[in-house]
Each structure stands twice: as structure tokens, then as C-alpha cells.
Protein backbone atom coordinates (compact mmCIF):
# COMPACT_ATOMS: atom_id res chain seq x y z
CA MET A 1 65.57 50.56 109.76
CA ARG A 2 64.76 54.02 109.65
CA GLN A 3 66.64 56.48 111.69
CA ALA A 4 64.97 59.55 112.91
CA LEU A 5 66.39 62.54 111.13
CA SER A 6 66.66 65.56 113.27
CA ILE A 7 66.99 68.69 111.24
CA ASN A 8 68.46 71.62 113.14
CA LYS A 9 68.27 74.87 111.31
CA GLY A 10 69.78 78.02 112.79
CA PHE A 11 71.76 78.76 115.91
CA THR A 12 70.89 78.56 119.55
CA LEU A 13 70.49 81.68 121.59
CA LEU A 14 73.65 80.92 123.54
CA GLU A 15 75.74 80.65 120.35
CA LEU A 16 74.43 84.00 119.11
CA LEU A 17 75.19 85.69 122.44
CA VAL A 18 78.76 84.36 122.42
CA VAL A 19 79.38 85.63 118.87
CA VAL A 20 77.86 89.05 119.60
CA SER A 21 79.91 89.42 122.81
CA ILE A 22 83.13 88.55 120.93
CA ILE A 23 82.32 91.20 118.31
CA PHE A 24 81.64 93.83 121.00
CA MET A 25 84.91 93.03 122.81
CA THR A 26 86.86 93.33 119.55
CA VAL A 27 85.27 96.70 118.80
CA ALA A 28 85.90 97.89 122.38
CA LEU A 29 89.59 97.03 122.04
CA ALA A 30 89.98 98.55 118.57
CA LEU A 31 88.09 101.82 119.12
CA PRO A 32 90.72 103.63 121.29
CA VAL A 33 93.49 102.69 118.86
CA TYR A 34 91.40 103.94 115.93
CA THR A 35 90.61 107.22 117.72
CA LYS A 36 94.27 107.80 118.56
CA SER A 37 95.20 107.07 114.96
CA LEU A 38 92.67 109.64 113.70
CA ASN A 39 93.98 112.28 116.11
CA ILE A 40 97.58 111.64 115.03
CA ARG A 41 96.50 111.99 111.41
CA LYS A 42 94.83 115.33 112.27
CA LEU A 43 98.06 116.40 114.01
CA GLU A 44 100.11 115.58 110.91
CA LYS A 45 97.64 117.40 108.65
CA CYS A 46 97.52 120.52 110.83
CA THR A 47 101.31 120.60 111.23
CA ASN A 48 101.89 120.35 107.49
CA GLN A 49 99.19 122.96 106.76
CA LEU A 50 100.65 125.43 109.26
CA ALA A 51 104.20 124.97 107.93
CA GLN A 52 102.92 125.47 104.38
CA ASP A 53 101.06 128.63 105.42
CA LEU A 54 104.16 129.97 107.18
CA ARG A 55 106.19 129.48 103.99
CA TRP A 56 103.45 131.18 101.97
CA VAL A 57 103.35 134.22 104.27
CA GLU A 58 107.13 134.48 104.19
CA GLN A 59 107.04 134.47 100.42
CA ILE A 60 104.40 137.18 100.12
CA SER A 61 106.29 139.20 102.77
CA LEU A 62 109.47 138.98 100.71
CA ASN A 63 107.60 140.14 97.62
CA ASP A 64 106.12 143.07 99.52
CA THR A 65 107.82 146.36 98.63
CA GLU A 66 106.90 148.18 101.84
CA ASP A 67 109.32 148.39 104.75
CA THR A 68 106.68 148.08 107.45
CA PRO A 69 105.70 144.51 108.36
CA ARG A 70 102.10 143.83 107.49
CA TYR A 71 101.45 140.08 107.59
CA GLN A 72 100.72 138.64 110.98
CA LEU A 73 100.24 135.09 112.29
CA LYS A 74 97.90 134.83 115.30
CA ILE A 75 97.76 131.58 117.26
CA ASN A 76 94.94 130.53 119.57
CA SER A 77 94.51 127.21 121.38
CA SER A 78 93.21 125.15 118.45
CA ASN A 79 93.26 127.54 115.48
CA TYR A 80 95.43 130.09 113.78
CA SER A 81 94.87 132.97 111.41
CA ILE A 82 96.92 135.02 109.01
CA ALA A 83 96.03 138.68 108.70
CA ASP A 84 97.05 141.64 106.59
CA SER A 85 97.43 144.41 109.19
CA LYS A 86 97.59 147.16 106.56
CA LYS A 87 94.27 146.25 104.94
CA ASN A 88 92.88 145.05 108.27
CA ILE A 89 91.59 141.76 106.84
CA THR A 90 92.05 138.10 107.71
CA LEU A 91 93.58 136.27 104.76
CA LYS A 92 93.20 132.79 106.17
CA LYS A 93 91.77 131.17 109.29
CA ILE A 94 92.34 127.48 110.00
CA ASN A 95 90.71 125.45 112.76
CA CYS A 96 92.62 122.33 113.82
CA ASP A 97 90.12 120.06 115.56
CA SER A 98 91.56 117.88 118.34
CA VAL A 99 94.96 119.62 118.05
CA GLN A 100 96.29 122.04 120.65
CA ILE A 101 98.54 124.79 119.28
CA SER A 102 100.90 126.77 121.48
CA SER A 103 103.72 129.12 120.62
CA SER A 104 106.55 131.12 122.10
CA SER A 105 104.50 134.12 120.97
CA SER A 106 100.74 134.38 120.39
CA SER A 107 101.37 136.78 117.50
CA PHE A 108 104.17 136.80 114.95
CA VAL A 109 104.81 139.48 112.32
CA PHE A 110 106.61 138.80 109.04
CA SER A 111 108.82 141.48 107.55
CA SER A 112 110.16 141.87 104.02
CA ASP A 113 113.52 142.57 105.67
CA LEU A 114 114.41 139.10 106.95
CA THR A 115 116.93 140.46 109.46
CA LYS A 116 114.01 141.87 111.46
CA ASN A 117 112.32 138.45 111.82
CA THR A 118 112.76 136.68 115.14
CA ALA A 119 112.84 132.98 115.91
CA LEU A 120 109.53 131.20 116.42
CA LYS A 121 108.71 127.83 117.92
CA ILE A 122 105.21 126.37 117.59
CA THR A 123 104.13 123.23 119.46
CA LEU A 124 101.20 121.13 118.23
CA THR A 125 99.80 118.39 120.49
CA ALA A 126 97.20 115.65 119.96
CA SER A 127 96.70 112.34 121.80
CA GLY A 128 99.95 112.72 123.70
CA GLN A 129 101.95 113.15 120.48
CA LYS A 130 103.81 116.40 119.82
CA LYS A 131 105.10 118.06 116.68
CA TYR A 132 107.22 121.19 116.57
CA ILE A 133 107.57 123.86 113.92
CA PHE A 134 110.66 126.05 114.05
CA VAL A 135 111.07 129.28 112.10
CA ALA A 136 114.71 130.30 112.07
CA PRO A 137 115.60 133.96 112.55
CA VAL A 138 117.13 135.85 109.62
CA THR A 139 116.80 132.98 107.08
CA GLY A 140 113.15 132.28 107.87
CA ARG A 141 113.61 128.56 107.32
CA VAL A 142 110.52 126.62 108.38
CA ARG A 143 111.23 123.15 109.77
CA ILE A 144 108.95 120.45 111.21
CA SER A 145 110.41 118.25 113.93
CA ASP A 146 109.38 115.49 116.32
CA SER A 147 111.87 116.72 118.92
CA ASN A 148 111.92 119.91 120.92
CA THR A 149 115.48 120.87 119.98
CA LYS A 150 116.75 122.84 117.03
CA GLN A 151 119.37 121.40 114.71
CA SER A 152 122.81 122.92 114.81
CA GLY A 153 123.31 125.88 112.53
CA GLU A 154 119.87 127.40 113.13
């Protein structure tokens, strides 16, 4: 009694189409989440870089012996630059892809006399998420926040 052995190697076309469609649906569901995650990461990176640059400019302004303010922060829609107005050169220019930057002032000047510095609020937006950078008047304290309100004492 011999039984006929049927040897099936491989998959049918229907099985392959089902597997491929499941993979495409998984990718289609995951792609928007991944894109939003990347944009939020860019927002965090740009916020931290801008706060670090603000602290750096404050420090070099404090070390400056001249009375006239010379370091200036200029903010455009998705980039910012730091310039030395006395030497008429740009010290640093940063482009923040996918991040919108807005400010209470498009230009901010740092003075070695801290009492001349005014308050500054910078809003960074990406994928519906917002981060805020506050520069306190007089003290020059730079603070990053998720909310639009200042803490008491600033």
C-alpha cells in the first residue's frame, strides 16, 4: 500500500499577498507615529541648542568690557543667528529643520550690564508640540518650559 506523497514546496500566491498586505498595513500605521517622534526629537534638540547658545552669549556679554551691547540674537521662522554687531560678523547660525521658532522680539541684544536686558520669550513648535524658552530680565536666567507661563519669582 503505497500512498501518494504530495510534496508542496513554497507558498501560494494568496498566502504571499496576505502577508505582504499585513506588512504594508503595519508600516502605514507606524509611519506617522515615527515621523511625529522624529519631529519631537528635533524640537528637543533645537530647544536645548538655543538655550545653550543663549547662555553662551550671556556669558561672553558679561565678560565684555565695553558698555555698548554688541551681541545680538536674530530669530527667523526656522533658524536663528548670533551676531557680533561691533565686528559686523555672524558668530553662529543654526537651522532647525521642522521646527518653527517665534519670539516676543525678532532681535534681542545682550548687554554686559544685566540691568539693561529685557525679558524674552521664545516659542518653538513641531508636530503640535510646543516648548518655551524664557530669559528673565536683570538676572538673565534661561529656562526651558513645556508651559507658557513663567514661574513665580521671575
